[in-house]
């Protein structure tokens, strides 16, 4: 919806991206009643830039969607966790439990990696079929029908069809505690989701991640209870932790998973356990594969999606900090050009302002020992900026006006050739960026 509205209104690219993020955040917030988790989702996965101009629309949309969702569905969380009303189901947070939280985190990381790998493996299988998209989709849907019938025959319900919220709620209610059933549902849902998406059907991965996490965590807790029946283990808290672990591991949105776990349970103690498990899940998945479930296909198509946030300190440097000094003023008619194919790179360089009929034409790199000999093409047209202008403003001005370089003058001086003290070229900007990132 955000993309359609943004493109219909003819907005700029960054505005369309902001609306896409706002729509995604609003949808998650209204569906799961997790406004803070939805905001973090957009920050971690959707927004390439985090600033007031992008974050405020997202926060407004998310808050509005949450309010409307609560009017329609009530203020209750998306899932009611039985451990809130049955304290005997709560596993105390103690040092003895840390290895188990680490273990379930690693298990969720392995499951997340399997989810990503199987999805793209299935997609490759369908892409290789010698049929058109419609026949391939029919084959996939037939397979889903067989899988749904098999699930019904073994469990008495079509557990793997749809988003699976009823199954998740049954696990969180403590109604499903059989290890083999939960493990079967995990495998069936993994296959159902990947076949559905691989066959070209519409769908997402967020809700299936919750389903996979709930069944995997529930099976883990049920297994512990079967091994040590007198220690009070329950599938319920591990199902909640598993939901956060698989969401964080598969999507790479660790903070989103942790915050949504807290918002969906209201249990701070469980959130502490989730922090450990989600960190282990994300770390395990990244150790096995760098790309997450959202970026794997793009990466395979040659589109790199950054997953780190950098503070671009070069943007707050002044023009005088990055400029190259200008030491000469040369008439264009006196300049001796050099063929582009033989521009020397081993000679000492300096910059000179090129003037023509008393007007500044551009700037050129010249031989320091022979200033009339050009060592590069003339950079033109050029703009002007003061020496205390921030580099961000210089870059924006160059982009808007199409300038090849910016000539730097002291504050209060007029833009004449004799007052120019330096030049900021695209090479200077690139060198500054690379220097900041390398450090």
Protein backbone atom coordinates (compact mmCIF):
# COMPACT_ATOMS: atom_id res chain seq x y z
CA UNK A 1 0.00 0.00 0.00
CA UNK A 2 2.83 2.36 0.82
CA UNK A 3 4.54 1.68 -2.49
CA UNK A 4 1.34 2.16 -4.50
CA UNK A 5 0.46 5.42 -2.76
CA UNK A 6 3.98 6.78 -3.03
CA UNK A 7 4.31 6.03 -6.72
CA UNK A 8 0.80 7.30 -7.51
CA UNK A 9 1.64 10.59 -5.81
CA UNK A 10 4.91 10.90 -7.73
CA UNK A 11 7.01 11.05 -4.57
CA UNK A 12 10.79 10.86 -4.52
CA UNK A 13 12.50 7.51 -3.98
CA UNK A 14 13.33 8.05 -0.31
CA UNK A 15 9.72 9.08 0.35
CA UNK A 16 8.37 5.94 -1.34
CA UNK A 17 10.78 3.79 0.68
CA UNK A 18 9.60 5.53 3.85
CA UNK A 19 5.97 4.79 2.97
CA UNK A 20 6.84 1.14 2.28
CA UNK A 21 8.45 0.91 5.71
CA UNK A 22 5.49 2.69 7.31
CA UNK A 23 3.07 0.24 5.69
CA UNK A 24 5.07 -2.78 6.81
CA UNK A 25 5.40 -1.49 10.36
CA UNK A 26 1.73 -0.56 10.55
CA UNK A 27 0.66 -4.00 9.32
CA UNK A 28 2.76 -5.83 11.88
CA UNK A 29 1.69 -3.49 14.68
CA UNK A 30 -2.02 -3.91 13.94
CA UNK A 31 -1.78 -7.67 13.46
CA UNK A 32 0.23 -8.57 16.55
CA UNK A 33 -0.50 -5.54 18.76
CA UNK A 34 3.25 -4.88 19.02
CA UNK A 35 3.86 -1.21 18.15
CA UNK A 36 7.41 -1.05 19.52
CA UNK A 37 8.42 -4.29 17.83
CA UNK A 38 6.96 -3.03 14.56
CA UNK A 39 8.98 0.19 14.74
CA UNK A 40 12.14 -1.81 15.40
CA UNK A 41 11.24 -4.08 12.45
CA UNK A 42 11.25 -1.11 10.09
CA UNK A 43 14.50 0.22 11.56
CA UNK A 44 16.31 -3.11 11.32
CA UNK A 45 15.00 -4.30 7.97
CA UNK A 46 13.24 -1.58 5.99
CA UNK A 47 14.85 1.84 6.41
CA UNK A 48 18.19 2.50 4.72
CA UNK A 49 18.27 5.86 6.50
CA UNK A 50 17.26 6.56 10.10
CA UNK A 51 16.45 10.22 10.60
CA UNK A 52 13.49 12.31 11.76
CA UNK A 53 12.22 12.63 8.19
CA UNK A 54 11.96 8.83 7.82
CA UNK A 55 11.31 7.70 11.38
CA UNK A 56 8.47 10.10 12.23
CA UNK A 57 6.16 8.89 9.41
CA UNK A 58 6.86 5.29 10.40
CA UNK A 59 6.12 5.94 14.07
CA UNK A 60 2.91 7.84 13.22
CA UNK A 61 1.68 5.09 10.92
CA UNK A 62 2.57 2.36 13.41
CA UNK A 63 0.91 4.15 16.31
CA UNK A 64 -2.21 4.86 14.27
CA UNK A 65 -2.45 1.26 13.07
CA UNK A 66 -2.05 -0.03 16.63
CA UNK A 67 -4.83 2.26 17.84
CA UNK A 68 -7.22 1.20 15.08
CA UNK A 69 -6.28 -2.45 15.59
CA UNK A 70 -7.04 -2.22 19.28
CA UNK A 71 -10.42 -0.64 18.52
CA UNK A 72 -11.21 -3.63 16.29
CA UNK A 73 -9.59 -6.49 18.20
CA UNK A 74 -9.21 -5.22 21.75
CA UNK A 75 -6.13 -4.46 23.81
CA UNK A 76 -5.18 -8.06 24.48
CA UNK A 77 -1.89 -9.30 23.04
CA UNK A 78 -1.93 -11.34 19.84
CA UNK A 79 -1.32 -14.56 21.77
CA UNK A 80 -2.41 -15.41 25.30
CA UNK A 81 0.37 -17.25 27.09
CA UNK A 82 -0.81 -19.79 29.63
CA UNK A 83 2.14 -19.16 31.90
CA UNK A 84 0.66 -15.78 32.76
CA UNK A 85 -2.24 -17.40 34.58
CA UNK A 86 -0.57 -20.66 35.61
CA UNK A 87 2.62 -19.85 37.54
CA UNK A 88 3.49 -23.54 37.76
CA UNK A 89 4.29 -23.45 34.05
CA UNK A 90 6.96 -20.79 34.47
CA UNK A 91 10.53 -22.02 34.48
CA UNK A 92 12.49 -19.81 36.92
CA UNK A 93 15.22 -17.66 35.40
CA UNK A 94 18.35 -18.91 37.12
CA UNK A 95 21.94 -19.65 36.29
CA UNK A 96 21.05 -23.32 35.87
CA UNK A 97 18.73 -22.37 33.00
CA UNK A 98 21.31 -20.44 30.96
CA UNK A 99 22.64 -23.52 29.12
CA UNK A 100 19.09 -24.37 28.09
CA UNK A 101 18.46 -20.87 26.75
CA UNK A 102 21.70 -21.07 24.82
CA UNK A 103 20.74 -24.52 23.52
CA UNK A 104 17.29 -23.43 22.33
CA UNK A 105 18.89 -20.36 20.74
CA UNK A 106 21.38 -22.46 18.79
CA UNK A 107 18.58 -24.83 17.80
CA UNK A 108 16.51 -21.89 16.53
CA UNK A 109 19.54 -20.64 14.60
CA UNK A 110 19.91 -24.02 12.91
CA UNK A 111 16.20 -24.04 12.14
CA UNK A 112 16.42 -20.51 10.70
CA UNK A 113 19.29 -21.50 8.44
CA UNK A 114 17.35 -24.58 7.34
CA UNK A 115 14.31 -22.40 6.62
CA UNK A 116 16.34 -20.06 4.41
CA UNK A 117 18.18 -22.89 2.65
CA UNK A 118 15.13 -25.08 2.02
CA UNK A 119 13.11 -22.12 0.72
CA UNK A 120 15.63 -21.30 -1.96
CA UNK A 121 16.28 -24.95 -2.73
CA UNK A 122 12.57 -25.46 -3.36
CA UNK A 123 12.46 -22.29 -5.47
CA UNK A 124 15.32 -23.62 -7.60
CA UNK A 125 13.44 -26.89 -8.09
CA UNK A 126 10.31 -25.12 -9.31
CA UNK A 127 12.33 -22.75 -11.51
CA UNK A 128 13.93 -25.78 -13.16
CA UNK A 129 10.60 -27.44 -14.02
CA UNK A 130 9.89 -27.51 -17.79
CA UNK A 131 6.46 -25.93 -17.33
CA UNK A 132 5.03 -22.45 -17.27
CA UNK A 133 4.26 -20.64 -14.01
CA UNK A 134 0.63 -21.79 -13.91
CA UNK A 135 1.40 -25.49 -14.26
CA UNK A 136 4.22 -25.20 -11.70
CA UNK A 137 1.80 -23.54 -9.29
CA UNK A 138 -0.74 -26.32 -9.83
CA UNK A 139 1.93 -28.91 -9.00
CA UNK A 140 2.86 -27.03 -5.84
CA UNK A 141 -0.75 -26.62 -4.71
CA UNK A 142 -1.43 -30.31 -5.32
CA UNK A 143 1.53 -31.11 -3.08
CA UNK A 144 0.17 -28.78 -0.40
CA UNK A 145 -3.18 -30.51 -0.56
CA UNK A 146 -1.56 -33.90 -0.07
CA UNK A 147 0.48 -32.52 2.82
CA UNK A 148 -2.61 -31.00 4.46
CA UNK A 149 -4.48 -34.31 4.18
CA UNK A 150 -1.52 -36.21 5.64
CA UNK A 151 -1.34 -33.75 8.52
CA UNK A 152 -5.07 -34.16 9.15
CA UNK A 153 -4.77 -37.95 9.09
CA UNK A 154 -1.98 -37.92 11.68
CA UNK A 155 -3.07 -35.08 13.99
CA UNK A 156 -6.81 -34.73 13.39
CA UNK A 157 -6.60 -31.17 12.07
CA UNK A 158 -5.26 -29.23 9.08
CA UNK A 159 -2.53 -27.65 11.17
CA UNK A 160 -0.26 -26.46 8.37
CA UNK A 161 -2.82 -24.57 6.27
CA UNK A 162 -3.23 -20.82 6.65
CA UNK A 163 -1.10 -18.71 8.97
CA UNK A 164 -1.40 -21.18 11.84
CA UNK A 165 -2.32 -18.78 14.65
CA UNK A 166 -4.77 -21.27 16.14
CA UNK A 167 -2.03 -23.90 16.38
CA UNK A 168 0.34 -21.38 17.97
CA UNK A 169 -2.32 -20.43 20.50
CA UNK A 170 -2.98 -24.09 21.30
CA UNK A 171 0.72 -24.58 22.03
CA UNK A 172 0.82 -21.47 24.23
CA UNK A 173 -2.28 -22.69 26.06
CA UNK A 174 -0.42 -25.86 26.97
CA UNK A 175 -2.81 -28.02 24.95
CA UNK A 176 -0.15 -29.51 22.68
CA UNK A 177 2.66 -31.18 24.60
CA UNK A 178 3.53 -34.27 22.55
CA UNK A 179 7.09 -34.13 21.26
CA UNK A 180 6.54 -36.06 18.03
CA UNK A 181 3.43 -34.07 17.12
CA UNK A 182 5.20 -30.76 17.59
CA UNK A 183 8.25 -31.97 15.66
CA UNK A 184 5.98 -33.23 12.88
CA UNK A 185 4.18 -29.89 12.68
CA UNK A 186 7.53 -28.07 12.50
CA UNK A 187 8.66 -30.17 9.54
CA UNK A 188 5.27 -29.99 7.83
CA UNK A 189 5.00 -26.22 8.16
CA UNK A 190 8.55 -25.78 6.90
CA UNK A 191 7.71 -27.84 3.84
CA UNK A 192 4.30 -26.20 3.33
CA UNK A 193 5.70 -22.66 3.48
CA UNK A 194 8.64 -23.31 1.19
CA UNK A 195 6.58 -25.23 -1.37
CA UNK A 196 3.90 -22.53 -1.34
CA UNK A 197 6.39 -19.72 -1.92
CA UNK A 198 8.51 -21.77 -4.31
CA UNK A 199 5.47 -22.55 -6.46
CA UNK A 200 4.76 -18.84 -6.81
CA UNK A 201 1.87 -18.52 -4.37
CA UNK A 202 1.41 -15.31 -2.44
CA UNK A 203 2.53 -15.43 1.16
CA UNK A 204 5.07 -14.26 3.67
CA UNK A 205 7.62 -15.65 6.08
CA UNK A 206 6.93 -13.72 9.28
CA UNK A 207 3.93 -15.70 10.50
CA UNK A 208 5.44 -19.04 9.42
CA UNK A 209 8.53 -18.09 11.44
CA UNK A 210 6.33 -17.69 14.51
CA UNK A 211 4.74 -21.09 13.82
CA UNK A 212 8.13 -22.78 13.34
CA UNK A 213 9.48 -21.20 16.52
CA UNK A 214 6.43 -22.18 18.58
CA UNK A 215 6.52 -25.81 17.46
CA UNK A 216 10.30 -26.10 17.77
CA UNK A 217 10.43 -24.46 21.20
CA UNK A 218 7.39 -26.43 22.35
CA UNK A 219 9.00 -29.69 21.27
CA UNK A 220 12.21 -28.71 23.08
CA UNK A 221 10.33 -27.99 26.31
CA UNK A 222 8.24 -31.13 26.00
CA UNK A 223 11.39 -33.20 25.49
CA UNK A 224 12.95 -31.70 28.63
CA UNK A 225 9.79 -32.51 30.55
CA UNK A 226 9.86 -36.09 29.28
CA UNK A 227 13.50 -36.52 30.30
CA UNK A 228 13.19 -34.79 33.69
CA UNK A 229 9.48 -34.95 34.61
CA UNK A 230 10.01 -33.75 38.19
CA UNK A 231 11.80 -30.48 37.35
CA UNK A 232 8.69 -28.64 36.17
CA UNK A 233 9.67 -28.01 32.55
CA UNK A 234 6.87 -26.90 30.24
CA UNK A 235 6.62 -26.43 26.46
CA UNK A 236 4.94 -23.03 26.90
CA UNK A 237 7.84 -20.71 27.84
CA UNK A 238 10.18 -22.45 25.42
CA UNK A 239 7.57 -22.06 22.67
CA UNK A 240 7.52 -18.30 23.27
CA UNK A 241 11.31 -18.14 23.29
CA UNK A 242 11.40 -20.28 20.16
CA UNK A 243 9.08 -17.86 18.37
CA UNK A 244 11.46 -15.01 19.05
CA UNK A 245 14.49 -17.13 18.17
CA UNK A 246 13.29 -18.23 14.75
CA UNK A 247 11.94 -14.79 13.85
CA UNK A 248 15.25 -13.20 14.85
CA UNK A 249 17.37 -15.88 13.22
CA UNK A 250 15.49 -16.06 9.93
CA UNK A 251 15.00 -12.32 9.42
CA UNK A 252 18.11 -11.05 11.18
CA UNK A 253 15.96 -8.60 13.16
CA UNK A 254 17.21 -9.45 16.63
CA UNK A 255 15.89 -6.39 18.47
CA UNK A 256 12.50 -6.80 16.78
CA UNK A 257 12.22 -10.39 17.96
CA UNK A 258 13.19 -9.52 21.53
CA UNK A 259 10.81 -6.57 21.76
CA UNK A 260 7.91 -8.48 20.21
CA UNK A 261 8.45 -11.34 22.65
CA UNK A 262 8.15 -8.87 25.52
CA UNK A 263 5.09 -7.14 24.03
CA UNK A 264 3.31 -10.43 23.29
CA UNK A 265 3.87 -11.82 26.79
CA UNK A 266 4.39 -8.85 29.08
CA UNK A 267 6.84 -11.02 30.98
CA UNK A 268 10.13 -9.26 31.58
CA UNK A 269 11.73 -12.44 32.92
CA UNK A 270 10.91 -14.26 29.70
CA UNK A 271 12.29 -11.33 27.73
CA UNK A 272 15.63 -11.75 29.50
CA UNK A 273 15.70 -15.39 28.45
CA UNK A 274 14.73 -14.31 24.95
CA UNK A 275 17.68 -11.93 24.72
CA UNK A 276 20.09 -14.81 25.25
CA UNK A 277 18.28 -17.18 22.91
CA UNK A 278 17.76 -14.65 20.10
CA UNK A 279 21.41 -13.61 20.22
CA UNK A 280 22.48 -17.25 19.94
CA UNK A 281 19.97 -17.86 17.14
CA UNK A 282 21.10 -14.90 15.05
CA UNK A 283 24.76 -15.71 15.67
CA UNK A 284 24.28 -19.35 14.67
CA UNK A 285 22.42 -18.50 11.48
CA UNK A 286 25.00 -15.87 10.49
CA UNK A 287 27.80 -18.36 11.12
CA UNK A 288 26.12 -20.73 8.65
CA UNK A 289 24.96 -18.15 6.10
CA UNK A 290 25.39 -14.39 5.91
CA UNK A 291 22.13 -13.62 4.11
CA UNK A 292 18.78 -13.76 5.85
CA UNK A 293 15.49 -14.96 4.43
CA UNK A 294 14.65 -11.51 3.02
CA UNK A 295 17.98 -10.84 1.31
CA UNK A 296 19.04 -14.27 0.06
CA UNK A 297 17.16 -14.08 -3.24
CA UNK A 298 18.31 -10.50 -3.87
CA UNK A 299 21.90 -11.50 -3.15
CA UNK A 300 21.64 -14.40 -5.59
CA UNK A 301 20.48 -11.91 -8.23
CA UNK A 302 23.51 -9.74 -7.59
CA UNK A 303 21.84 -7.09 -5.41
CA UNK A 304 23.77 -6.45 -2.21
CA UNK A 305 21.65 -5.30 0.73
CA UNK A 306 23.63 -3.70 3.60
CA UNK A 307 22.77 -5.13 7.00
CA UNK A 308 24.86 -2.78 9.11
CA UNK A 309 24.20 0.79 10.14
CA UNK A 310 27.10 3.20 9.83
CA UNK A 311 27.37 6.67 11.25
CA UNK A 312 28.72 8.61 8.28
CA UNK A 313 31.08 10.96 10.07
CA UNK A 314 32.44 12.30 6.78
CA UNK A 315 29.16 14.15 6.31
CA UNK A 316 29.94 16.55 9.16
CA UNK A 317 33.44 17.43 7.96
CA UNK A 318 34.02 20.88 6.56
CA UNK A 319 35.00 21.59 2.99
CA UNK A 320 38.44 22.76 4.13
CA UNK A 321 39.04 19.33 5.72
CA UNK A 322 38.70 17.40 2.47
CA UNK A 323 39.62 19.90 -0.24
CA UNK A 324 42.71 19.75 -2.41
CA UNK A 325 44.64 23.05 -2.44
CA UNK A 326 44.55 25.22 -5.55
CA UNK A 327 47.82 27.00 -6.27
CA UNK A 328 47.51 28.44 -9.78
CA UNK A 329 45.27 30.45 -12.06
CA UNK A 330 45.72 29.65 -15.76
CA UNK A 331 44.11 31.02 -18.87
CA UNK A 332 42.43 28.28 -20.83
CA UNK A 333 44.31 29.29 -23.98
CA UNK A 334 47.65 28.80 -22.16
CA UNK A 335 46.79 25.32 -20.93
CA UNK A 336 48.61 22.50 -22.73
CA UNK A 337 46.20 19.53 -22.91
CA UNK A 338 47.30 15.93 -22.83
CA UNK A 339 45.54 13.13 -24.67
CA UNK A 340 43.12 11.25 -22.40
CA UNK A 341 44.80 7.95 -23.15
CA UNK A 342 48.19 9.13 -21.88
CA UNK A 343 47.31 11.08 -18.73
CA UNK A 344 50.40 10.55 -16.54
CA UNK A 345 49.91 9.24 -13.02
CA UNK A 346 53.48 9.38 -11.76
CA UNK A 347 53.99 13.15 -11.88
CA UNK A 348 53.43 15.43 -8.85
CA UNK A 349 50.01 17.05 -9.15
CA UNK A 350 48.54 20.38 -8.24
CA UNK A 351 45.23 22.05 -9.03
CA UNK A 352 44.77 25.20 -11.05
CA UNK A 353 41.73 27.37 -11.73
CA UNK A 354 41.06 27.67 -15.46
CA UNK A 355 39.74 31.08 -16.54
CA UNK A 356 38.44 32.24 -19.89
CA UNK A 357 37.61 35.86 -20.69
CA UNK A 358 37.97 36.70 -16.99
CA UNK A 359 35.36 34.09 -16.09
CA UNK A 360 36.06 30.89 -14.17
CA UNK A 361 35.70 27.97 -16.57
CA UNK A 362 36.67 25.10 -14.31
CA UNK A 363 39.53 23.46 -12.48
CA UNK A 364 42.22 21.07 -13.68
CA UNK A 365 45.03 18.96 -12.26
CA UNK A 366 48.39 20.22 -13.54
CA UNK A 367 52.03 19.27 -13.27
CA UNK A 368 53.42 20.88 -10.11
CA UNK A 369 56.70 21.55 -11.89
CA UNK A 370 55.06 22.83 -15.06
CA UNK A 371 51.65 24.32 -14.17
CA UNK A 372 50.59 24.87 -17.79
CA UNK A 373 50.58 21.13 -18.52
CA UNK A 374 47.26 19.45 -17.75
CA UNK A 375 47.34 16.07 -16.06
CA UNK A 376 43.57 15.53 -16.19
CA UNK A 377 40.50 16.76 -18.07
CA UNK A 378 39.10 20.13 -17.06
CA UNK A 379 36.43 19.68 -14.40
CA UNK A 380 33.47 21.83 -15.43
CA UNK A 381 30.97 23.14 -14.53
CA UNK A 382 31.95 24.03 -10.99
CA UNK A 383 30.19 25.49 -7.97
CA UNK A 384 31.38 27.47 -4.97
CA UNK A 385 31.24 26.97 -1.22
CA UNK A 386 32.77 28.49 1.88
CA UNK A 387 35.56 26.68 3.65
CA UNK A 388 33.33 26.09 6.70
CA UNK A 389 30.51 24.46 4.72
CA UNK A 390 29.71 20.90 5.77
CA UNK A 391 30.58 18.21 3.24
CA UNK A 392 26.98 16.99 3.24
CA UNK A 393 25.86 20.40 1.92
CA UNK A 394 28.66 20.40 -0.65
CA UNK A 395 27.61 16.97 -1.93
CA UNK A 396 23.93 17.95 -2.09
CA UNK A 397 24.76 21.15 -3.99
CA UNK A 398 26.95 19.26 -6.48
CA UNK A 399 24.23 16.67 -7.06
CA UNK A 400 21.44 19.21 -7.57
CA UNK A 401 23.41 21.43 -9.93
CA UNK A 402 25.34 18.70 -11.73
CA UNK A 403 28.70 20.23 -10.82
CA UNK A 404 31.87 18.26 -11.44
CA UNK A 405 33.68 20.00 -8.57
CA UNK A 406 33.25 22.69 -5.93
CA UNK A 407 35.68 25.57 -5.54
CA UNK A 408 36.32 26.64 -1.95
CA UNK A 409 36.71 30.22 -0.76
CA UNK A 410 37.10 31.83 2.66
CA UNK A 411 33.96 33.16 4.30
CA UNK A 412 33.23 36.70 3.21
CA UNK A 413 35.25 36.49 -0.01
CA UNK A 414 33.70 36.84 -3.44
CA UNK A 415 33.99 33.89 -5.85
CA UNK A 416 36.88 35.13 -7.94
CA UNK A 417 39.81 33.12 -9.24
CA UNK A 418 42.32 34.81 -6.98
CA UNK A 419 40.21 34.08 -3.87
CA UNK A 420 39.93 30.31 -4.44
CA UNK A 421 41.90 28.31 -1.88
CA UNK A 422 40.89 24.75 -2.72
CA UNK A 423 38.70 22.38 -4.69
CA UNK A 424 36.49 19.48 -3.62
CA UNK A 425 36.28 16.83 -6.33
CA UNK A 426 34.36 13.60 -6.47
CA UNK A 427 37.65 11.79 -5.92
CA UNK A 428 38.18 13.77 -2.71
CA UNK A 429 34.71 12.79 -1.48
CA UNK A 430 35.23 9.14 -2.38
CA UNK A 431 38.60 9.10 -0.62
CA UNK A 432 37.05 10.60 2.51
CA UNK A 433 34.26 8.01 2.56
CA UNK A 434 36.67 5.12 2.09
CA UNK A 435 38.95 6.49 4.78
CA UNK A 436 36.08 6.69 7.28
CA UNK A 437 34.88 3.16 6.54
CA UNK A 438 38.37 1.68 6.69
CA UNK A 439 38.87 3.13 10.14
